[in-house]
PDB file of N, CA and C in Angstrom:
ATOM      1  N   ILE A   1       0.825  -1.189   0.000  1.00  0.00           N
ATOM      2  CA  ILE A   1       0.000   0.000   0.000  1.00  0.00           C
ATOM      3  C   ILE A   1       0.870   1.254   0.000  1.00  0.00           C
ATOM      4  N   GLY A   2       1.959   1.227   0.737  1.00  0.00           N
ATOM      5  CA  GLY A   2       2.849   2.388   0.789  1.00  0.00           C
ATOM      6  C   GLY A   2       3.407   2.750  -0.574  1.00  0.00           C
ATOM      7  N   VAL A   3       3.783   1.745  -1.346  1.00  0.00           N
ATOM      8  CA  VAL A   3       4.320   1.996  -2.690  1.00  0.00           C
ATOM      9  C   VAL A   3       3.224   2.559  -3.593  1.00  0.00           C
ATOM     10  N   ARG A   4       2.047   1.992  -3.506  1.00  0.00           N
ATOM     11  CA  ARG A   4       0.931   2.483  -4.333  1.00  0.00           C
ATOM     12  C   ARG A   4       0.584   3.930  -3.974  1.00  0.00           C
ATOM     13  N   LEU A   5       0.603   4.253  -2.689  1.00  0.00           N
ATOM     14  CA  LEU A   5       0.323   5.620  -2.261  1.00  0.00           C
ATOM     15  C   LEU A   5       1.399   6.572  -2.775  1.00  0.00           C
ATOM     16  N   TYR A   6       2.639   6.143  -2.704  1.00  0.00           N
ATOM     17  CA  TYR A   6       3.738   6.955  -3.228  1.00  0.00           C
ATOM     18  C   TYR A   6       3.549   7.202  -4.725  1.00  0.00           C
ATOM     19  N   CYS A   7       3.180   6.160  -5.460  1.00  0.00           N
ATOM     20  CA  CYS A   7       2.942   6.302  -6.901  1.00  0.00           C
ATOM     21  C   CYS A   7       1.800   7.280  -7.156  1.00  0.00           C
ATOM     22  N   ALA A   8       0.719   7.145  -6.402  1.00  0.00           N
ATOM     23  CA  ALA A   8      -0.430   8.041  -6.572  1.00  0.00           C
ATOM     24  C   ALA A   8      -0.032   9.483  -6.309  1.00  0.00           C
ATOM     25  N   ASP A   9       0.709   9.712  -5.239  1.00  0.00           N
ATOM     26  CA  ASP A   9       1.144  11.067  -4.909  1.00  0.00           C
ATOM     27  C   ASP A   9       2.062  11.631  -5.989  1.00  0.00           C
ATOM     28  N   SER A  10       2.966  10.805  -6.483  1.00  0.00           N
ATOM     29  CA  SER A  10       3.888  11.250  -7.540  1.00  0.00           C
ATOM     30  C   SER A  10       3.127  11.586  -8.819  1.00  0.00           C
ATOM     31  N   LEU A  11       2.185  10.742  -9.183  1.00  0.00           N
ATOM     32  CA  LEU A  11       1.379  11.001 -10.374  1.00  0.00           C
ATOM     33  C   LEU A  11       0.553  12.275 -10.209  1.00  0.00           C
ATOM     34  N   ALA A  12      -0.018  12.472  -9.041  1.00  0.00           N
ATOM     35  CA  ALA A  12      -0.819  13.673  -8.788  1.00  0.00           C
ATOM     36  C   ALA A  12       0.049  14.928  -8.885  1.00  0.00           C
ATOM     37  N   ARG A  13       1.238  14.877  -8.301  1.00  0.00           N
ATOM     38  CA  ARG A  13       2.134  16.033  -8.358  1.00  0.00           C
ATOM     39  C   ARG A  13       2.538  16.376  -9.786  1.00  0.00           C
ATOM     40  N   SER A  14       2.633  15.361 -10.635  1.00  0.00           N
ATOM     41  CA  SER A  14       3.037  15.612 -12.018  1.00  0.00           C
ATOM     42  C   SER A  14       1.850  15.936 -12.924  1.00  0.00           C
ATOM     43  N   GLY A  15       0.655  16.037 -12.324  1.00  0.00           N
ATOM     44  CA  GLY A  15      -0.518  16.425 -13.090  1.00  0.00           C
ATOM     45  C   GLY A  15      -1.259  15.279 -13.750  1.00  0.00           C
ATOM     46  N   ARG A  16      -0.844  14.065 -13.491  1.00  0.00           N
ATOM     47  CA  ARG A  16      -1.498  12.888 -14.078  1.00  0.00           C
ATOM     48  C   ARG A  16      -2.581  12.401 -13.110  1.00  0.00           C
ATOM     49  N   LEU A  17      -3.601  13.234 -12.979  1.00  0.00           N
ATOM     50  CA  LEU A  17      -4.605  13.052 -11.936  1.00  0.00           C
ATOM     51  C   LEU A  17      -5.482  11.824 -12.149  1.00  0.00           C
ATOM     52  N   ASP A  18      -5.848  11.536 -13.380  1.00  0.00           N
ATOM     53  CA  ASP A  18      -6.689  10.358 -13.620  1.00  0.00           C
ATOM     54  C   ASP A  18      -5.952   9.078 -13.238  1.00  0.00           C
ATOM     55  N   GLU A  19      -4.675   9.012 -13.567  1.00  0.00           N
ATOM     56  CA  GLU A  19      -3.874   7.837 -13.196  1.00  0.00           C
ATOM     57  C   GLU A  19      -3.707   7.765 -11.681  1.00  0.00           C
ATOM     58  N   ALA A  20      -3.490   8.914 -11.066  1.00  0.00           N
ATOM     59  CA  ALA A  20      -3.330   8.950  -9.613  1.00  0.00           C
ATOM     60  C   ALA A  20      -4.587   8.451  -8.922  1.00  0.00           C
ATOM     61  N   MET A  21      -5.741   8.847  -9.438  1.00  0.00           N
ATOM     62  CA  MET A  21      -6.999   8.452  -8.805  1.00  0.00           C
ATOM     63  C   MET A  21      -7.195   6.941  -8.820  1.00  0.00           C
ATOM     64  N   LYS A  22      -6.726   6.273  -9.833  1.00  0.00           N
ATOM     65  CA  LYS A  22      -6.839   4.807  -9.876  1.00  0.00           C
ATOM     66  C   LYS A  22      -6.096   4.183  -8.700  1.00  0.00           C
ATOM     67  N   HIS A  23      -4.931   4.706  -8.405  1.00  0.00           N
ATOM     68  CA  HIS A  23      -4.143   4.201  -7.273  1.00  0.00           C
ATOM     69  C   HIS A  23      -4.781   4.602  -5.941  1.00  0.00           C
ATOM     70  N   TYR A  24      -5.223   5.861  -5.862  1.00  0.00           N
ATOM     71  CA  TYR A  24      -5.851   6.322  -4.624  1.00  0.00           C
ATOM     72  C   TYR A  24      -7.075   5.484  -4.269  1.00  0.00           C
ATOM     73  N   GLU A  25      -7.858   5.102  -5.258  1.00  0.00           N
ATOM     74  CA  GLU A  25      -9.056   4.303  -4.990  1.00  0.00           C
ATOM     75  C   GLU A  25      -8.706   2.962  -4.355  1.00  0.00           C
ATOM     76  N   ILE A  26      -7.628   2.363  -4.804  1.00  0.00           N
ATOM     77  CA  ILE A  26      -7.182   1.085  -4.232  1.00  0.00           C
ATOM     78  C   ILE A  26      -6.699   1.293  -2.796  1.00  0.00           C
ATOM     79  N   VAL A  27      -5.924   2.347  -2.586  1.00  0.00           N
ATOM     80  CA  VAL A  27      -5.414   2.640  -1.246  1.00  0.00           C
ATOM     81  C   VAL A  27      -6.570   2.950  -0.296  1.00  0.00           C
ATOM     82  N   LEU A  28      -7.551   3.695  -0.779  1.00  0.00           N
ATOM     83  CA  LEU A  28      -8.687   4.070   0.059  1.00  0.00           C
ATOM     84  C   LEU A  28      -9.454   2.855   0.558  1.00  0.00           C
ATOM     85  N   LYS A  29      -9.539   1.817  -0.246  1.00  0.00           N
ATOM     86  CA  LYS A  29     -10.235   0.598   0.190  1.00  0.00           C
ATOM     87  C   LYS A  29      -9.536  -0.035   1.382  1.00  0.00           C
ATOM     88  N   ARG A  30      -8.225   0.072   1.421  1.00  0.00           N
ATOM     89  CA  ARG A  30      -7.450  -0.513   2.526  1.00  0.00           C
ATOM     90  C   ARG A  30      -7.328   0.423   3.723  1.00  0.00           C
ATOM     91  N   MET A  31      -7.379   1.723   3.451  1.00  0.00           N
ATOM     92  CA  MET A  31      -7.156   2.717   4.499  1.00  0.00           C
ATOM     93  C   MET A  31      -8.256   3.781   4.450  1.00  0.00           C
ATOM     94  N   PRO A  32      -9.510   3.406   4.689  1.00  0.00           N
ATOM     95  CA  PRO A  32     -10.618   4.347   4.496  1.00  0.00           C
ATOM     96  C   PRO A  32     -10.674   5.497   5.500  1.00  0.00           C
ATOM     97  N   GLU A  33      -9.949   5.398   6.581  1.00  0.00           N
ATOM     98  CA  GLU A  33      -9.977   6.440   7.598  1.00  0.00           C
ATOM     99  C   GLU A  33      -8.625   7.128   7.761  1.00  0.00           C
ATOM    100  N   ASP A  34      -7.782   7.053   6.767  1.00  0.00           N
ATOM    101  CA  ASP A  34      -6.477   7.717   6.829  1.00  0.00           C
ATOM    102  C   ASP A  34      -6.632   9.147   6.310  1.00  0.00           C
ATOM    103  N   PHE A  35      -6.388  10.125   7.165  1.00  0.00           N
ATOM    104  CA  PHE A  35      -6.614  11.518   6.778  1.00  0.00           C
ATOM    105  C   PHE A  35      -5.737  11.937   5.613  1.00  0.00           C
ATOM    106  N   ARG A  36      -4.523  11.375   5.514  1.00  0.00           N
ATOM    107  CA  ARG A  36      -3.633  11.760   4.409  1.00  0.00           C
ATOM    108  C   ARG A  36      -4.185  11.278   3.079  1.00  0.00           C
ATOM    109  N   VAL A  37      -4.684  10.059   3.064  1.00  0.00           N
ATOM    110  CA  VAL A  37      -5.263   9.509   1.838  1.00  0.00           C
ATOM    111  C   VAL A  37      -6.482  10.329   1.431  1.00  0.00           C
ATOM    112  N   LEU A  38      -7.361  10.588   2.385  1.00  0.00           N
ATOM    113  CA  LEU A  38      -8.560  11.374   2.093  1.00  0.00           C
ATOM    114  C   LEU A  38      -8.198  12.773   1.603  1.00  0.00           C
ATOM    115  N   ASN A  39      -7.219  13.393   2.246  1.00  0.00           N
ATOM    116  CA  ASN A  39      -6.808  14.735   1.861  1.00  0.00           C
ATOM    117  C   ASN A  39      -6.196  14.754   0.460  1.00  0.00           C
ATOM    118  N   ASN A  40      -5.369  13.773   0.162  1.00  0.00           N
ATOM    119  CA  ASN A  40      -4.715  13.750  -1.147  1.00  0.00           C
ATOM    120  C   ASN A  40      -5.724  13.468  -2.256  1.00  0.00           C
ATOM    121  N   ILE A  41      -6.705  12.651  -1.970  1.00  0.00           N
ATOM    122  CA  ILE A  41      -7.780  12.426  -2.945  1.00  0.00           C
ATOM    123  C   ILE A  41      -8.554  13.725  -3.150  1.00  0.00           C
ATOM    124  N   ALA A  42      -8.880  14.395  -2.057  1.00  0.00           N
ATOM    125  CA  ALA A  42      -9.602  15.670  -2.156  1.00  0.00           C
ATOM    126  C   ALA A  42      -8.814  16.673  -2.987  1.00  0.00           C
ATOM    127  N   ASP A  43      -7.526  16.741  -2.756  1.00  0.00           N
ATOM    128  CA  ASP A  43      -6.681  17.674  -3.500  1.00  0.00           C
ATOM    129  C   ASP A  43      -6.683  17.341  -4.989  1.00  0.00           C
ATOM    130  N   ALA A  44      -6.522  16.068  -5.319  1.00  0.00           N
ATOM    131  CA  ALA A  44      -6.511  15.662  -6.726  1.00  0.00           C
ATOM    132  C   ALA A  44      -7.854  15.957  -7.390  1.00  0.00           C
ATOM    133  N   LEU A  45      -8.940  15.654  -6.692  1.00  0.00           N
ATOM    134  CA  LEU A  45     -10.268  15.925  -7.250  1.00  0.00           C
ATOM    135  C   LEU A  45     -10.500  17.424  -7.410  1.00  0.00           C
ATOM    136  N   ALA A  46     -10.059  18.212  -6.437  1.00  0.00           N
ATOM    137  CA  ALA A  46     -10.220  19.663  -6.531  1.00  0.00           C
ATOM    138  C   ALA A  46      -9.449  20.206  -7.726  1.00  0.00           C
ATOM    139  N   ARG A  47      -8.264  19.688  -7.954  1.00  0.00           N
ATOM    140  CA  ARG A  47      -7.467  20.134  -9.102  1.00  0.00           C
ATOM    141  C   ARG A  47      -8.134  19.769 -10.414  1.00  0.00           C
ATOM    142  N   LYS A  48      -8.948  18.723 -10.404  1.00  0.00           N
ATOM    143  CA  LYS A  48      -9.699  18.337 -11.597  1.00  0.00           C
ATOM    144  C   LYS A  48     -11.010  19.108 -11.709  1.00  0.00           C
ATOM    145  N   GLY A  49     -11.380  19.827 -10.655  1.00  0.00           N
ATOM    146  CA  GLY A  49     -12.651  20.525 -10.628  1.00  0.00           C
ATOM    147  C   GLY A  49     -13.823  19.609 -10.320  1.00  0.00           C
ATOM    148  N   ASP A  50     -13.539  18.480  -9.725  1.00  0.00           N
ATOM    149  CA  ASP A  50     -14.553  17.488  -9.402  1.00  0.00           C
ATOM    150  C   ASP A  50     -15.236  17.861  -8.085  1.00  0.00           C
ATOM    151  N   PRO A  51     -16.563  17.994  -8.074  1.00  0.00           N
ATOM    152  CA  PRO A  51     -17.263  18.393  -6.845  1.00  0.00           C
ATOM    153  C   PRO A  51     -17.153  17.380  -5.707  1.00  0.00           C
ATOM    154  N   ARG A  52     -16.761  16.149  -5.984  1.00  0.00           N
ATOM    155  CA  ARG A  52     -16.587  15.157  -4.914  1.00  0.00           C
ATOM    156  C   ARG A  52     -15.448  15.523  -3.977  1.00  0.00           C
ATOM    157  N   ALA A  53     -14.607  16.473  -4.388  1.00  0.00           N
ATOM    158  CA  ALA A  53     -13.473  16.890  -3.563  1.00  0.00           C
ATOM    159  C   ALA A  53     -13.932  17.339  -2.183  1.00  0.00           C
ATOM    160  N   LEU A  54     -15.060  18.021  -2.132  1.00  0.00           N
ATOM    161  CA  LEU A  54     -15.538  18.553  -0.853  1.00  0.00           C
ATOM    162  C   LEU A  54     -15.827  17.446   0.146  1.00  0.00           C
ATOM    163  N   ASP A  55     -16.435  16.378  -0.287  1.00  0.00           N
ATOM    164  CA  ASP A  55     -16.743  15.266   0.622  1.00  0.00           C
ATOM    165  C   ASP A  55     -15.460  14.679   1.212  1.00  0.00           C
ATOM    166  N   PHE A  56     -14.476  14.425   0.372  1.00  0.00           N
ATOM    167  CA  PHE A  56     -13.219  13.856   0.862  1.00  0.00           C
ATOM    168  C   PHE A  56     -12.493  14.842   1.774  1.00  0.00           C
ATOM    169  N   ALA A  57     -12.521  16.119   1.423  1.00  0.00           N
ATOM    170  CA  ALA A  57     -11.862  17.131   2.254  1.00  0.00           C
ATOM    171  C   ALA A  57     -12.527  17.229   3.623  1.00  0.00           C
ATOM    172  N   GLN A  58     -13.852  17.162   3.649  1.00  0.00           N
ATOM    173  CA  GLN A  58     -14.555  17.220   4.934  1.00  0.00           C
ATOM    174  C   GLN A  58     -14.244  16.002   5.796  1.00  0.00           C
ATOM    175  N   ARG A  59     -14.162  14.851   5.170  1.00  0.00           N
ATOM    176  CA  ARG A  59     -13.826  13.634   5.929  1.00  0.00           C
ATOM    177  C   ARG A  59     -12.422  13.736   6.512  1.00  0.00           C
ATOM    178  N   ALA A  60     -11.471  14.236   5.724  1.00  0.00           N
ATOM    179  CA  ALA A  60     -10.097  14.397   6.217  1.00  0.00           C
ATOM    180  C   ALA A  60     -10.067  15.401   7.367  1.00  0.00           C
ATOM    181  N   PHE A  61     -10.829  16.479   7.215  1.00  0.00           N
ATOM    182  CA  PHE A  61     -10.867  17.518   8.249  1.00  0.00           C
ATOM    183  C   PHE A  61     -11.464  16.997   9.553  1.00  0.00           C
ATOM    184  N   GLN A  62     -12.477  16.139   9.463  1.00  0.00           N
ATOM    185  CA  GLN A  62     -13.068  15.557  10.666  1.00  0.00           C
ATOM    186  C   GLN A  62     -12.040  14.729  11.433  1.00  0.00           C
ATOM    187  N   LEU A  63     -11.140  14.094  10.705  1.00  0.00           N
ATOM    188  CA  LEU A  63     -10.121  13.261  11.342  1.00  0.00           C
ATOM    189  C   LEU A  63      -8.933  14.073  11.852  1.00  0.00           C
ATOM    190  N   ARG A  64      -8.658  15.204  11.187  1.00  0.00           N
ATOM    191  CA  ARG A  64      -7.456  15.977  11.535  1.00  0.00           C
ATOM    192  C   ARG A  64      -7.716  17.479  11.398  1.00  0.00           C
ATOM    193  N   PRO A  65      -8.581  18.037  12.246  1.00  0.00           N
ATOM    194  CA  PRO A  65      -8.975  19.442  12.084  1.00  0.00           C
ATOM    195  C   PRO A  65      -7.864  20.462  12.327  1.00  0.00           C
ATOM    196  N   GLN A  66      -6.807  20.083  13.023  1.00  0.00           N
ATOM    197  CA  GLN A  66      -5.738  21.042  13.318  1.00  0.00           C
ATOM    198  C   GLN A  66      -4.632  21.046  12.266  1.00  0.00           C
ATOM    199  N   ASP A  67      -4.717  20.178  11.290  1.00  0.00           N
ATOM    200  CA  ASP A  67      -3.668  20.075  10.268  1.00  0.00           C
ATOM    201  C   ASP A  67      -3.840  21.195   9.242  1.00  0.00           C
ATOM    202  N   PRO A  68      -2.828  22.041   9.070  1.00  0.00           N
ATOM    203  CA  PRO A  68      -2.974  23.173   8.142  1.00  0.00           C
ATOM    204  C   PRO A  68      -3.125  22.746   6.677  1.00  0.00           C
ATOM    205  N   ILE A  69      -2.532  21.652   6.292  1.00  0.00           N
ATOM    206  CA  ILE A  69      -2.662  21.179   4.914  1.00  0.00           C
ATOM    207  C   ILE A  69      -4.082  20.701   4.665  1.00  0.00           C
ATOM    208  N   VAL A  70      -4.626  19.965   5.613  1.00  0.00           N
ATOM    209  CA  VAL A  70      -6.003  19.494   5.506  1.00  0.00           C
ATOM    210  C   VAL A  70      -6.963  20.692   5.469  1.00  0.00           C
ATOM    211  N   SER A  71      -6.711  21.688   6.304  1.00  0.00           N
ATOM    212  CA  SER A  71      -7.551  22.893   6.308  1.00  0.00           C
ATOM    213  C   SER A  71      -7.487  23.620   4.972  1.00  0.00           C
ATOM    214  N   ALA A  72      -6.307  23.707   4.402  1.00  0.00           N
ATOM    215  CA  ALA A  72      -6.148  24.379   3.107  1.00  0.00           C
ATOM    216  C   ALA A  72      -6.894  23.633   2.004  1.00  0.00           C
ATOM    217  N   THR A  73      -6.818  22.320   2.035  1.00  0.00           N
ATOM    218  CA  THR A  73      -7.534  21.524   1.041  1.00  0.00           C
ATOM    219  C   THR A  73      -9.036  21.719   1.181  1.00  0.00           C
ATOM    220  N   LEU A  74      -9.518  21.710   2.415  1.00  0.00           N
ATOM    221  CA  LEU A  74     -10.941  21.933   2.648  1.00  0.00           C
ATOM    222  C   LEU A  74     -11.342  23.326   2.168  1.00  0.00           C
ATOM    223  N   GLY A  75     -10.533  24.314   2.469  1.00  0.00           N
ATOM    224  CA  GLY A  75     -10.831  25.677   2.022  1.00  0.00           C
ATOM    225  C   GLY A  75     -10.919  25.775   0.508  1.00  0.00           C
ATOM    226  N   THR A  76     -10.001  25.128  -0.180  1.00  0.00           N
ATOM    227  CA  THR A  76     -10.020  25.124  -1.645  1.00  0.00           C
ATOM    228  C   THR A  76     -11.292  24.466  -2.170  1.00  0.00           C
ATOM    229  N   ALA A  77     -11.638  23.314  -1.598  1.00  0.00           N
ATOM    230  CA  ALA A  77     -12.836  22.600  -2.044  1.00  0.00           C
ATOM    231  C   ALA A  77     -14.097  23.426  -1.788  1.00  0.00           C
ATOM    232  N   LEU A  78     -14.134  24.121  -0.662  1.00  0.00           N
ATOM    233  CA  LEU A  78     -15.286  24.968  -0.357  1.00  0.00           C
ATOM    234  C   LEU A  78     -15.375  26.146  -1.323  1.00  0.00           C
ATOM    235  N   LEU A  79     -14.244  26.757  -1.625  1.00  0.00           N
ATOM    236  CA  LEU A  79     -14.240  27.868  -2.573  1.00  0.00           C
ATOM    237  C   LEU A  79     -14.737  27.427  -3.941  1.00  0.00           C
ATOM    238  N   GLN A  80     -14.356  26.240  -4.351  1.00  0.00           N
ATOM    239  CA  GLN A  80     -14.806  25.743  -5.650  1.00  0.00           C
ATOM    240  C   GLN A  80     -16.317  25.551  -5.689  1.00  0.00           C
ATOM    241  N   ARG A  81     -16.915  25.374  -4.544  1.00  0.00           N
ATOM    242  CA  ARG A  81     -18.374  25.202  -4.464  1.00  0.00           C
ATOM    243  C   ARG A  81     -19.059  26.524  -4.094  1.00  0.00           C
ATOM    244  N   ASP A  82     -18.311  27.634  -4.202  1.00  0.00           N
ATOM    245  CA  ASP A  82     -18.837  28.976  -3.908  1.00  0.00           C
ATOM    246  C   ASP A  82     -19.314  29.126  -2.475  1.00  0.00           C
ATOM    247  N   LYS A  83     -18.607  28.491  -1.560  1.00  0.00           N
ATOM    248  CA  LYS A  83     -18.940  28.590  -0.130  1.00  0.00           C
ATOM    249  C   LYS A  83     -17.847  29.417   0.564  1.00  0.00           C
ATOM    250  N   LEU A  84     -17.840  30.700   0.239  1.00  0.00           N
ATOM    251  CA  LEU A  84     -16.791  31.595   0.712  1.00  0.00           C
ATOM    252  C   LEU A  84     -16.727  31.673   2.232  1.00  0.00           C
ATOM    253  N   TYR A  85     -17.874  31.867   2.882  1.00  0.00           N
ATOM    254  CA  TYR A  85     -17.880  32.001   4.340  1.00  0.00           C
ATOM    255  C   TYR A  85     -17.300  30.770   5.017  1.00  0.00           C
ATOM    256  N   GLU A  86     -17.726  29.580   4.560  1.00  0.00           N
ATOM    257  CA  GLU A  86     -17.216  28.345   5.146  1.00  0.00           C
ATOM    258  C   GLU A  86     -15.720  28.172   4.874  1.00  0.00           C
ATOM    259  N   ALA A  87     -15.287  28.601   3.707  1.00  0.00           N
ATOM    260  CA  ALA A  87     -13.870  28.490   3.354  1.00  0.00           C
ATOM    261  C   ALA A  87     -13.011  29.342   4.266  1.00  0.00           C
ATOM    262  N   ILE A  88     -13.495  30.517   4.609  1.00  0.00           N
ATOM    263  CA  ILE A  88     -12.748  31.387   5.509  1.00  0.00           C
ATOM    264  C   ILE A  88     -12.629  30.751   6.887  1.00  0.00           C
ATOM    265  N   GLN A  89     -13.647  30.043   7.305  1.00  0.00           N
ATOM    266  CA  GLN A  89     -13.643  29.380   8.613  1.00  0.00           C
ATOM    267  C   GLN A  89     -12.682  28.186   8.662  1.00  0.00           C
ATOM    268  N   ALA A  90     -12.449  27.555   7.525  1.00  0.00           N
ATOM    269  CA  ALA A  90     -11.563  26.383   7.479  1.00  0.00           C
ATOM    270  C   ALA A  90     -10.154  26.839   7.703  1.00  0.00           C
TER     271      ALA A  90
END
């Protein structure tokens, strides 16, 4: 799982988001409550403009509300859904 997650993260960083999502989906099945996995999926989906990003970002935030990276991802996902007030709170 660690290697697959590394591959997904590397693919996402290089902009190959569809390929990254295939790996993330496999990792998510094994680690459904890992805030890093949820956050990275949210980030990849947000970069694609996919509205599902908000759900993953909220789940990551519930698990790790004090993490600044998770908060930033949630804020981005909220902004994409035109939820400015909520984004400022994140």
